[in-house]
Amino acid sequence: MPATAAKSALIIGASRGLGYALAAEFLNRGWQVTGTVRGRYERFRRAPCR
């Protein structure tokens, strides 16, 4: 993988708790994050970090 390639993470259960914290931490570290949630969560329309 080239040094300039972006890292990505798939977080299952990213709406709260550990999943939310992991998603926030990966975003802070520059990763591309895809998070899944049950139902509809308005706070995910905008990234919580950066």
Protein backbone atom coordinates (compact mmCIF):
# COMPACT_ATOMS: atom_id res chain seq x y z
CA MET A 1 0.00 0.00 0.00
CA PRO A 2 1.44 3.41 -0.93
CA ALA A 3 2.41 5.68 1.96
CA THR A 4 -0.14 8.27 0.79
CA ALA A 5 -3.09 5.86 0.76
CA ALA A 6 -5.86 6.76 3.23
CA LYS A 7 -6.71 4.24 5.92
CA SER A 8 -10.34 3.34 6.41
CA ALA A 9 -12.38 1.77 9.20
CA LEU A 10 -15.86 0.27 9.39
CA ILE A 11 -17.38 0.76 12.85
CA ILE A 12 -20.44 -1.34 13.68
CA GLY A 13 -22.66 0.30 16.31
CA ALA A 14 -21.23 3.82 16.00
CA SER A 15 -24.21 5.65 17.52
CA ARG A 16 -22.99 5.66 21.12
CA GLY A 17 -20.61 4.23 23.66
CA LEU A 18 -17.47 2.46 22.50
CA GLY A 19 -18.42 2.50 18.81
CA TYR A 20 -18.94 6.27 18.89
CA ALA A 21 -15.65 6.82 20.73
CA LEU A 22 -13.77 4.61 18.26
CA ALA A 23 -15.26 6.44 15.28
CA ALA A 24 -14.31 9.81 16.80
CA GLU A 25 -10.75 8.66 17.51
CA PHE A 26 -10.21 7.27 14.02
CA LEU A 27 -11.56 10.52 12.51
CA ASN A 28 -9.20 12.54 14.71
CA ARG A 29 -6.31 10.45 13.41
CA GLY A 30 -7.24 11.16 9.79
CA TRP A 31 -8.89 7.87 8.89
CA GLN A 32 -11.89 7.59 6.59
CA VAL A 33 -14.69 6.16 8.77
CA THR A 34 -17.94 4.44 7.85
CA GLY A 35 -20.19 3.87 10.83
CA THR A 36 -23.36 1.83 11.03
CA VAL A 37 -26.25 2.48 13.43
CA ARG A 38 -29.68 1.05 14.12
CA GLY A 39 -32.35 3.54 13.20
CA ARG A 40 -31.91 7.14 12.18
CA TYR A 41 -29.49 9.43 14.02
CA GLU A 42 -29.39 13.10 13.07
CA ARG A 43 -26.03 13.76 14.74
CA PHE A 44 -24.31 11.69 12.04
CA ARG A 45 -25.18 14.11 9.27
CA ARG A 46 -22.01 15.96 10.26
CA ALA A 47 -18.77 14.38 11.40
CA PRO A 48 -18.35 14.84 15.18
CA CYS A 49 -14.61 15.46 14.89
CA ARG A 50 -11.92 17.10 12.78
